[in-house]
Amino acid sequence: MNGRVIGRVVALATAVAAPLGLGLATAPAASAAAVTTLYYSSSGAPDYLAQIDQGAANWNAAVTDVKLVKRNTSATIVFHEISSGGSYTNTNGHGRGQIYLDTSQVAEGFDPTRIAAHELGHNLGLPDHYSGPCTELMSGHGPGTACKNAKPSAAEAAKVQSLWVNGLVAAAESRAVAY
């Protein structure tokens, strides 16, 4: 058979199969990436509600595969205020965690929006990088109190995108990560 005949056979088969609801094998169509929604509660850190919301908004502006949405009940990420010991997160790195925001660090001059966004970064799967510059959110307290950057770098956002491209993946164990 020549190419013209094969083309007519395929066209005829498609014309017959389509009205019958039958499908021919075709290349899969590109599907839109699913967005995973994570819910956070800031009710346990009442002195920092606006800063926590801004930290979440900074992540939402930087990534598209995962979104952080405020919810006071059934949240998988929960903020708490503490007064010593340093800010930290107990998380599995897959959208579940308890975030402890230390008010004494804020009193020392550390930016609470940066702390909140940094700790949310751990819940999105990122590790600390204390030796990094202020432009890296995950450098945490490393750059000192003068650093007010609360937005993830392009590399940090890309890493979160790669971690969440296929949605939420269950993790086997929790880990504690300090600011």
N, C-alpha and C. Protein backbone atom coordinates (compact mmCIF):
# COMPACT_ATOMS: atom_id res chain seq x y z
N MET A 1 0.84 -1.19 0.00
CA MET A 1 0.00 0.00 0.00
C MET A 1 0.87 1.24 0.00
N ASN A 2 0.44 2.23 -0.72
CA ASN A 2 1.20 3.47 -0.69
C ASN A 2 0.67 4.38 0.41
N GLY A 3 1.38 5.48 0.66
CA GLY A 3 1.05 6.41 1.75
C GLY A 3 -0.34 7.00 1.62
N ARG A 4 -0.79 7.25 0.37
CA ARG A 4 -2.09 7.86 0.15
C ARG A 4 -3.20 6.89 0.58
N VAL A 5 -3.06 5.63 0.29
CA VAL A 5 -4.06 4.63 0.65
C VAL A 5 -4.11 4.46 2.17
N ILE A 6 -2.94 4.39 2.80
CA ILE A 6 -2.89 4.26 4.26
C ILE A 6 -3.58 5.45 4.91
N GLY A 7 -3.32 6.64 4.42
CA GLY A 7 -3.95 7.84 4.96
C GLY A 7 -5.46 7.78 4.85
N ARG A 8 -5.97 7.27 3.72
CA ARG A 8 -7.43 7.16 3.55
C ARG A 8 -8.02 6.11 4.50
N VAL A 9 -7.30 5.01 4.72
CA VAL A 9 -7.77 3.97 5.62
C VAL A 9 -7.86 4.53 7.04
N VAL A 10 -6.84 5.26 7.49
CA VAL A 10 -6.84 5.86 8.82
C VAL A 10 -7.98 6.86 8.94
N ALA A 11 -8.18 7.68 7.92
CA ALA A 11 -9.25 8.67 7.95
C ALA A 11 -10.61 7.99 8.02
N LEU A 12 -10.81 6.93 7.24
CA LEU A 12 -12.06 6.19 7.25
C LEU A 12 -12.30 5.52 8.61
N ALA A 13 -11.26 4.91 9.17
CA ALA A 13 -11.39 4.26 10.48
C ALA A 13 -11.74 5.28 11.55
N THR A 14 -11.13 6.45 11.50
CA THR A 14 -11.43 7.51 12.47
C THR A 14 -12.87 7.98 12.32
N ALA A 15 -13.32 8.14 11.08
CA ALA A 15 -14.68 8.61 10.83
C ALA A 15 -15.71 7.61 11.32
N VAL A 16 -15.41 6.32 11.22
CA VAL A 16 -16.33 5.29 11.67
C VAL A 16 -16.28 5.14 13.19
N ALA A 17 -15.08 5.18 13.76
CA ALA A 17 -14.92 4.93 15.20
C ALA A 17 -15.42 6.07 16.06
N ALA A 18 -15.22 7.30 15.64
CA ALA A 18 -15.57 8.45 16.47
C ALA A 18 -17.04 8.49 16.87
N PRO A 19 -17.99 8.35 15.93
CA PRO A 19 -19.39 8.39 16.35
C PRO A 19 -19.79 7.22 17.25
N LEU A 20 -19.06 6.13 17.17
CA LEU A 20 -19.37 4.97 17.98
C LEU A 20 -18.74 5.04 19.37
N GLY A 21 -17.98 6.09 19.60
CA GLY A 21 -17.34 6.25 20.91
C GLY A 21 -16.09 5.41 21.03
N LEU A 22 -15.59 4.88 19.95
CA LEU A 22 -14.37 4.09 19.98
C LEU A 22 -13.19 4.99 19.73
N GLY A 23 -12.12 4.72 20.35
CA GLY A 23 -10.93 5.56 20.16
C GLY A 23 -9.83 4.78 19.49
N LEU A 24 -9.08 5.46 18.69
CA LEU A 24 -7.89 4.87 18.11
C LEU A 24 -6.72 5.28 18.97
N ALA A 25 -5.67 4.51 18.98
CA ALA A 25 -4.49 4.85 19.77
C ALA A 25 -3.88 6.14 19.23
N THR A 26 -3.77 7.11 20.07
CA THR A 26 -3.16 8.38 19.68
C THR A 26 -2.15 8.78 20.74
N ALA A 27 -1.33 9.70 20.37
CA ALA A 27 -0.37 10.21 21.34
C ALA A 27 -1.13 10.91 22.45
N PRO A 28 -0.71 10.72 23.70
CA PRO A 28 -1.41 11.38 24.80
C PRO A 28 -1.31 12.89 24.69
N ALA A 29 -2.41 13.55 25.00
CA ALA A 29 -2.44 15.01 24.97
C ALA A 29 -1.73 15.54 26.21
N ALA A 30 -1.15 16.69 26.06
CA ALA A 30 -0.48 17.31 27.20
C ALA A 30 -1.54 17.68 28.23
N SER A 31 -1.33 17.30 29.46
CA SER A 31 -2.31 17.62 30.49
C SER A 31 -1.76 18.73 31.38
N ALA A 32 -2.67 19.52 31.89
CA ALA A 32 -2.27 20.61 32.77
C ALA A 32 -1.75 20.01 34.08
N ALA A 33 -0.73 20.61 34.62
CA ALA A 33 -0.16 20.14 35.88
C ALA A 33 -1.18 20.35 36.99
N ALA A 34 -1.31 19.37 37.83
CA ALA A 34 -2.22 19.47 38.96
C ALA A 34 -1.59 20.36 40.03
N VAL A 35 -2.41 21.14 40.67
CA VAL A 35 -1.94 22.00 41.75
C VAL A 35 -2.33 21.34 43.07
N THR A 36 -1.36 21.18 43.95
CA THR A 36 -1.62 20.64 45.28
C THR A 36 -1.86 21.81 46.23
N THR A 37 -2.96 21.77 46.94
CA THR A 37 -3.29 22.82 47.90
C THR A 37 -2.93 22.34 49.29
N LEU A 38 -2.15 23.15 49.98
CA LEU A 38 -1.78 22.88 51.36
C LEU A 38 -2.43 23.93 52.24
N TYR A 39 -2.98 23.51 53.35
CA TYR A 39 -3.65 24.43 54.25
C TYR A 39 -2.78 24.70 55.47
N TYR A 40 -2.66 25.98 55.79
CA TYR A 40 -1.89 26.38 56.97
C TYR A 40 -2.79 27.15 57.92
N SER A 41 -2.46 27.04 59.19
CA SER A 41 -3.17 27.79 60.22
C SER A 41 -2.16 28.65 60.97
N SER A 42 -2.49 29.92 61.10
CA SER A 42 -1.63 30.84 61.84
C SER A 42 -2.26 31.23 63.18
N SER A 43 -3.36 30.60 63.54
CA SER A 43 -4.07 30.99 64.76
C SER A 43 -3.24 30.77 66.03
N GLY A 44 -2.24 29.90 65.97
CA GLY A 44 -1.38 29.69 67.13
C GLY A 44 -0.26 30.70 67.25
N ALA A 45 -0.19 31.64 66.30
CA ALA A 45 0.81 32.70 66.33
C ALA A 45 0.11 34.04 66.08
N PRO A 46 -0.78 34.44 66.99
CA PRO A 46 -1.63 35.61 66.76
C PRO A 46 -0.89 36.93 66.58
N ASP A 47 0.33 37.03 67.07
CA ASP A 47 1.08 38.28 66.91
C ASP A 47 1.70 38.44 65.52
N TYR A 48 1.61 37.40 64.70
CA TYR A 48 2.30 37.42 63.40
C TYR A 48 1.40 36.99 62.25
N LEU A 49 0.11 37.21 62.36
CA LEU A 49 -0.84 36.78 61.33
C LEU A 49 -0.51 37.36 59.96
N ALA A 50 -0.30 38.67 59.90
CA ALA A 50 -0.03 39.32 58.61
C ALA A 50 1.29 38.84 58.02
N GLN A 51 2.29 38.65 58.85
CA GLN A 51 3.61 38.21 58.37
C GLN A 51 3.56 36.78 57.84
N ILE A 52 2.81 35.92 58.52
CA ILE A 52 2.66 34.54 58.06
C ILE A 52 1.92 34.51 56.73
N ASP A 53 0.84 35.30 56.64
CA ASP A 53 0.09 35.36 55.38
C ASP A 53 0.97 35.89 54.24
N GLN A 54 1.83 36.87 54.54
CA GLN A 54 2.72 37.39 53.51
C GLN A 54 3.76 36.35 53.09
N GLY A 55 4.28 35.60 54.05
CA GLY A 55 5.22 34.53 53.72
C GLY A 55 4.60 33.50 52.79
N ALA A 56 3.35 33.12 53.08
CA ALA A 56 2.63 32.18 52.21
C ALA A 56 2.38 32.79 50.84
N ALA A 57 2.01 34.07 50.81
CA ALA A 57 1.77 34.75 49.54
C ALA A 57 3.05 34.81 48.70
N ASN A 58 4.20 34.97 49.35
CA ASN A 58 5.47 35.00 48.62
C ASN A 58 5.73 33.66 47.94
N TRP A 59 5.45 32.57 48.61
CA TRP A 59 5.59 31.24 47.99
C TRP A 59 4.58 31.07 46.87
N ASN A 60 3.34 31.48 47.11
CA ASN A 60 2.31 31.34 46.07
C ASN A 60 2.65 32.12 44.81
N ALA A 61 3.33 33.24 44.96
CA ALA A 61 3.74 34.04 43.80
C ALA A 61 4.92 33.40 43.05
N ALA A 62 5.68 32.56 43.75
CA ALA A 62 6.90 32.00 43.17
C ALA A 62 6.70 30.62 42.54
N VAL A 63 5.69 29.88 42.97
CA VAL A 63 5.49 28.51 42.47
C VAL A 63 4.06 28.31 42.00
N THR A 64 3.87 27.34 41.12
CA THR A 64 2.53 27.07 40.58
C THR A 64 2.02 25.67 40.88
N ASP A 65 2.89 24.73 41.24
CA ASP A 65 2.46 23.35 41.46
C ASP A 65 1.90 23.10 42.85
N VAL A 66 2.12 24.03 43.76
CA VAL A 66 1.61 23.90 45.12
C VAL A 66 1.16 25.29 45.58
N LYS A 67 0.02 25.33 46.28
CA LYS A 67 -0.51 26.59 46.80
C LYS A 67 -0.76 26.46 48.29
N LEU A 68 -0.45 27.51 49.01
CA LEU A 68 -0.67 27.58 50.45
C LEU A 68 -1.93 28.41 50.69
N VAL A 69 -2.88 27.83 51.41
CA VAL A 69 -4.16 28.49 51.66
C VAL A 69 -4.41 28.48 53.17
N LYS A 70 -4.81 29.62 53.68
CA LYS A 70 -5.08 29.75 55.11
C LYS A 70 -6.39 29.07 55.48
N ARG A 71 -6.32 28.31 56.56
CA ARG A 71 -7.51 27.63 57.08
C ARG A 71 -7.25 27.34 58.55
N ASN A 72 -8.19 27.67 59.39
CA ASN A 72 -7.97 27.47 60.83
C ASN A 72 -8.29 26.07 61.33
N THR A 73 -9.04 25.31 60.55
CA THR A 73 -9.33 23.93 60.94
C THR A 73 -8.81 22.99 59.84
N SER A 74 -8.42 21.82 60.24
CA SER A 74 -7.92 20.79 59.32
C SER A 74 -6.71 21.24 58.51
N ALA A 75 -5.91 22.12 59.07
CA ALA A 75 -4.69 22.55 58.40
C ALA A 75 -3.60 21.51 58.63
N THR A 76 -2.76 21.32 57.63
CA THR A 76 -1.65 20.36 57.78
C THR A 76 -0.35 21.05 58.17
N ILE A 77 -0.33 22.38 58.08
CA ILE A 77 0.81 23.16 58.53
C ILE A 77 0.28 24.13 59.58
N VAL A 78 0.82 24.05 60.79
CA VAL A 78 0.29 24.85 61.89
C VAL A 78 1.41 25.66 62.54
N PHE A 79 1.17 26.98 62.65
CA PHE A 79 2.12 27.89 63.29
C PHE A 79 1.82 28.02 64.78
N HIS A 80 2.91 28.16 65.56
CA HIS A 80 2.81 28.39 67.00
C HIS A 80 3.83 29.46 67.37
N GLU A 81 3.51 30.26 68.38
CA GLU A 81 4.49 31.21 68.94
C GLU A 81 5.18 30.56 70.12
N ILE A 82 6.49 30.76 70.19
CA ILE A 82 7.26 30.35 71.37
C ILE A 82 8.13 31.54 71.75
N SER A 83 8.71 31.51 72.96
CA SER A 83 9.47 32.68 73.41
C SER A 83 10.95 32.41 73.60
N SER A 84 11.42 31.24 73.23
CA SER A 84 12.86 30.96 73.31
C SER A 84 13.18 29.69 72.53
N GLY A 85 14.46 29.46 72.31
CA GLY A 85 14.88 28.23 71.65
C GLY A 85 15.08 28.34 70.15
N GLY A 86 14.68 29.44 69.56
CA GLY A 86 14.83 29.60 68.11
C GLY A 86 13.64 29.08 67.34
N SER A 87 13.37 29.71 66.21
CA SER A 87 12.28 29.27 65.35
C SER A 87 12.68 27.97 64.67
N TYR A 88 11.73 27.07 64.51
CA TYR A 88 12.01 25.81 63.84
C TYR A 88 10.73 25.16 63.34
N THR A 89 10.91 24.11 62.58
CA THR A 89 9.80 23.35 62.01
C THR A 89 9.99 21.88 62.27
N ASN A 90 8.95 21.21 62.70
CA ASN A 90 8.89 19.75 62.68
C ASN A 90 8.05 19.41 61.46
N THR A 91 8.66 18.81 60.45
CA THR A 91 7.96 18.55 59.20
C THR A 91 8.43 17.26 58.56
N ASN A 92 7.61 16.75 57.69
CA ASN A 92 8.03 15.63 56.86
C ASN A 92 8.51 16.15 55.50
N GLY A 93 8.44 17.48 55.30
CA GLY A 93 8.88 18.07 54.05
C GLY A 93 7.89 17.89 52.92
N HIS A 94 6.74 17.33 53.22
CA HIS A 94 5.73 17.06 52.21
C HIS A 94 4.37 17.65 52.59
N GLY A 95 4.41 18.88 53.09
CA GLY A 95 3.16 19.58 53.35
C GLY A 95 2.51 19.35 54.69
N ARG A 96 3.24 18.74 55.60
CA ARG A 96 2.74 18.55 56.96
C ARG A 96 3.80 19.05 57.93
N GLY A 97 3.38 19.83 58.92
CA GLY A 97 4.36 20.27 59.88
C GLY A 97 3.82 21.21 60.93
N GLN A 98 4.60 21.32 61.98
CA GLN A 98 4.34 22.26 63.07
C GLN A 98 5.48 23.28 63.02
N ILE A 99 5.12 24.55 62.86
CA ILE A 99 6.11 25.62 62.78
C ILE A 99 6.07 26.41 64.08
N TYR A 100 7.26 26.61 64.66
CA TYR A 100 7.39 27.35 65.92
C TYR A 100 8.16 28.63 65.63
N LEU A 101 7.47 29.76 65.78
CA LEU A 101 8.05 31.07 65.51
C LEU A 101 8.45 31.69 66.85
N ASP A 102 9.75 31.92 67.01
CA ASP A 102 10.31 32.40 68.28
C ASP A 102 10.23 33.92 68.36
N THR A 103 9.44 34.42 69.31
CA THR A 103 9.27 35.86 69.49
C THR A 103 10.57 36.54 69.92
N SER A 104 11.46 35.81 70.60
CA SER A 104 12.73 36.42 71.01
C SER A 104 13.63 36.70 69.81
N GLN A 105 13.53 35.88 68.76
CA GLN A 105 14.30 36.15 67.55
C GLN A 105 13.80 37.42 66.87
N VAL A 106 12.50 37.60 66.87
CA VAL A 106 11.93 38.82 66.30
C VAL A 106 12.39 40.02 67.12
N ALA A 107 12.40 39.89 68.45
CA ALA A 107 12.87 40.97 69.32
C ALA A 107 14.34 41.30 69.06
N GLU A 108 15.13 40.30 68.66
CA GLU A 108 16.54 40.52 68.32
C GLU A 108 16.71 41.25 67.00
N GLY A 109 15.66 41.28 66.18
CA GLY A 109 15.73 41.99 64.91
C GLY A 109 15.54 41.12 63.68
N PHE A 110 15.35 39.82 63.85
CA PHE A 110 15.08 38.95 62.70
C PHE A 110 13.68 39.23 62.19
N ASP A 111 13.53 39.27 60.89
CA ASP A 111 12.27 39.62 60.24
C ASP A 111 11.25 38.47 60.34
N PRO A 112 10.07 38.71 60.93
CA PRO A 112 9.11 37.62 61.10
C PRO A 112 8.53 37.10 59.79
N THR A 113 8.43 37.94 58.77
CA THR A 113 7.94 37.46 57.48
C THR A 113 8.96 36.52 56.86
N ARG A 114 10.24 36.85 56.98
CA ARG A 114 11.30 35.97 56.47
C ARG A 114 11.29 34.64 57.23
N ILE A 115 11.14 34.72 58.55
CA ILE A 115 11.10 33.49 59.35
C ILE A 115 9.93 32.61 58.90
N ALA A 116 8.75 33.19 58.76
CA ALA A 116 7.56 32.42 58.37
C ALA A 116 7.75 31.80 56.99
N ALA A 117 8.23 32.59 56.02
CA ALA A 117 8.43 32.07 54.67
C ALA A 117 9.51 30.99 54.66
N HIS A 118 10.57 31.19 55.42
CA HIS A 118 11.65 30.21 55.52
C HIS A 118 11.11 28.88 56.06
N GLU A 119 10.36 28.94 57.16
CA GLU A 119 9.83 27.72 57.76
C GLU A 119 8.82 27.04 56.83
N LEU A 120 8.04 27.81 56.10
CA LEU A 120 7.15 27.22 55.10
C LEU A 120 7.96 26.50 54.03
N GLY A 121 9.13 27.05 53.70
CA GLY A 121 10.02 26.41 52.72
C GLY A 121 10.40 25.00 53.15
N HIS A 122 10.61 24.80 54.45
CA HIS A 122 10.91 23.45 54.94
C HIS A 122 9.71 22.52 54.71
N ASN A 123 8.51 23.01 54.93
CA ASN A 123 7.31 22.21 54.72
C ASN A 123 7.09 21.89 53.24
N LEU A 124 7.71 22.68 52.38
CA LEU A 124 7.64 22.43 50.94
C LEU A 124 8.80 21.54 50.47
N GLY A 125 9.68 21.17 51.40
CA GLY A 125 10.74 20.22 51.08
C GLY A 125 12.15 20.75 51.01
N LEU A 126 12.38 22.02 51.33
CA LEU A 126 13.72 22.60 51.22
C LEU A 126 14.51 22.49 52.52
N PRO A 127 15.81 22.25 52.40
CA PRO A 127 16.68 22.21 53.59
C PRO A 127 17.24 23.60 53.89
N ASP A 128 17.86 23.74 55.06
CA ASP A 128 18.58 24.97 55.40
C ASP A 128 19.83 25.10 54.53
N HIS A 129 20.24 26.36 54.32
CA HIS A 129 21.50 26.66 53.64
C HIS A 129 22.06 27.92 54.30
N TYR A 130 22.45 27.78 55.56
CA TYR A 130 22.86 28.92 56.38
C TYR A 130 23.99 29.74 55.78
N SER A 131 24.85 29.13 54.99
CA SER A 131 25.98 29.87 54.42
C SER A 131 25.59 30.65 53.17
N GLY A 132 24.32 30.54 52.76
CA GLY A 132 23.87 31.25 51.57
C GLY A 132 23.68 32.74 51.82
N PRO A 133 23.56 33.51 50.75
CA PRO A 133 23.36 34.95 50.87
C PRO A 133 21.92 35.30 51.24
N CYS A 134 21.68 36.54 51.56
CA CYS A 134 20.35 37.02 51.93
C CYS A 134 19.33 36.77 50.82
N THR A 135 19.78 36.72 49.58
CA THR A 135 18.86 36.48 48.46
C THR A 135 18.28 35.07 48.48
N GLU A 136 18.89 34.18 49.26
CA GLU A 136 18.36 32.83 49.43
C GLU A 136 17.53 32.79 50.71
N LEU A 137 16.27 32.54 50.57
CA LEU A 137 15.37 32.47 51.72
C LEU A 137 15.81 31.39 52.71
N MET A 138 16.31 30.29 52.19
CA MET A 138 16.66 29.17 53.05
C MET A 138 18.01 29.36 53.75
N SER A 139 18.63 30.53 53.56
CA SER A 139 19.83 30.84 54.33
C SER A 139 19.46 31.21 55.76
N GLY A 140 18.16 31.38 56.01
CA GLY A 140 17.66 31.59 57.37
C GLY A 140 18.33 32.74 58.08
N HIS A 141 18.81 32.48 59.31
CA HIS A 141 19.42 33.53 60.12
C HIS A 141 20.88 33.77 59.75
N GLY A 142 21.42 32.98 58.83
CA GLY A 142 22.83 33.10 58.44
C GLY A 142 23.28 34.51 58.06
N PRO A 143 22.52 35.23 57.23
CA PRO A 143 22.94 36.58 56.84
C PRO A 143 22.76 37.65 57.92
N GLY A 144 22.14 37.31 59.04
CA GLY A 144 21.99 38.27 60.13
C GLY A 144 20.68 39.03 60.11
N THR A 145 20.54 39.93 61.08
CA THR A 145 19.28 40.66 61.26
C THR A 145 19.04 41.72 60.19
N ALA A 146 20.07 42.13 59.48
CA ALA A 146 19.88 43.12 58.41
C ALA A 146 19.13 42.53 57.22
N CYS A 147 19.13 41.22 57.08
CA CYS A 147 18.47 40.57 55.95
C CYS A 147 16.97 40.54 56.17
N LYS A 148 16.24 41.17 55.27
CA LYS A 148 14.77 41.23 55.36
C LYS A 148 14.10 40.50 54.20
N ASN A 149 14.88 39.87 53.31
CA ASN A 149 14.31 39.18 52.16
C ASN A 149 13.43 38.02 52.62
N ALA A 150 12.18 38.04 52.22
CA ALA A 150 11.24 36.98 52.58
C ALA A 150 10.71 36.26 51.35
N LYS A 151 11.42 36.39 50.24
CA LYS A 151 10.97 35.75 49.00
C LYS A 151 11.98 34.69 48.58
N PRO A 152 11.47 33.54 48.10
CA PRO A 152 12.40 32.51 47.65
C PRO A 152 13.14 32.96 46.39
N SER A 153 14.38 32.48 46.27
CA SER A 153 15.14 32.76 45.04
C SER A 153 14.55 31.93 43.90
N ALA A 154 14.96 32.23 42.69
CA ALA A 154 14.49 31.47 41.53
C ALA A 154 14.89 30.00 41.66
N ALA A 155 16.08 29.74 42.17
CA ALA A 155 16.54 28.36 42.33
C ALA A 155 15.71 27.63 43.38
N GLU A 156 15.38 28.31 44.48
CA GLU A 156 14.54 27.69 45.51
C GLU A 156 13.14 27.39 44.98
N ALA A 157 12.58 28.34 44.24
CA ALA A 157 11.26 28.13 43.65
C ALA A 157 11.29 26.96 42.66
N ALA A 158 12.34 26.88 41.86
CA ALA A 158 12.47 25.79 40.89
C ALA A 158 12.57 24.44 41.59
N LYS A 159 13.28 24.39 42.70
CA LYS A 159 13.40 23.14 43.45
C LYS A 159 12.04 22.72 44.00
N VAL A 160 11.28 23.66 44.55
CA VAL A 160 9.94 23.33 45.05
C VAL A 160 9.06 22.86 43.89
N GLN A 161 9.14 23.53 42.75
CA GLN A 161 8.37 23.10 41.58
C GLN A 161 8.69 21.64 41.24
N SER A 162 9.97 21.31 41.24
CA SER A 162 10.37 19.94 40.86
C SER A 162 9.89 18.93 41.91
N LEU A 163 9.85 19.33 43.17
CA LEU A 163 9.40 18.42 44.22
C LEU A 163 7.89 18.19 44.18
N TRP A 164 7.12 19.18 43.72
CA TRP A 164 5.67 19.11 43.77
C TRP A 164 5.01 18.89 42.40
N VAL A 165 5.80 18.69 41.37
CA VAL A 165 5.25 18.56 40.02
C VAL A 165 4.25 17.41 39.93
N ASN A 166 4.42 16.37 40.70
CA ASN A 166 3.51 15.23 40.67
C ASN A 166 2.58 15.19 41.87
N GLY A 167 2.46 16.28 42.59
CA GLY A 167 1.56 16.35 43.73
C GLY A 167 2.19 15.89 45.02
N LEU A 168 1.35 15.72 45.99
CA LEU A 168 1.78 15.37 47.34
C LEU A 168 2.25 13.92 47.40
N VAL A 169 3.41 13.73 47.99
CA VAL A 169 3.96 12.39 48.18
C VAL A 169 4.10 12.17 49.68
N ALA A 170 3.59 11.08 50.17
CA ALA A 170 3.67 10.79 51.61
C ALA A 170 5.12 10.55 52.02
N ALA A 171 5.48 11.08 53.14
CA ALA A 171 6.83 10.88 53.67
C ALA A 171 6.77 9.93 54.86
N ALA A 172 7.86 9.22 55.06
CA ALA A 172 7.88 8.19 56.10
C ALA A 172 8.15 8.74 57.49
N GLU A 173 8.93 9.82 57.59
CA GLU A 173 9.27 10.30 58.92
C GLU A 173 9.38 11.81 58.97
N SER A 174 9.25 12.36 60.15
CA SER A 174 9.37 13.80 60.37
C SER A 174 10.81 14.17 60.64
N ARG A 175 11.10 15.45 60.48
CA ARG A 175 12.41 15.96 60.82
C ARG A 175 12.24 17.34 61.41
N ALA A 176 13.14 17.72 62.29
CA ALA A 176 13.11 19.06 62.88
C ALA A 176 14.17 19.90 62.19
N VAL A 177 13.79 21.10 61.79
CA VAL A 177 14.71 21.99 61.11
C VAL A 177 14.61 23.36 61.77
N ALA A 178 15.74 23.92 62.17
CA ALA A 178 15.76 25.20 62.88
C ALA A 178 16.01 26.35 61.92
N TYR A 179 15.49 27.52 62.28
CA TYR A 179 15.71 28.74 61.50
C TYR A 179 17.10 29.20 61.65
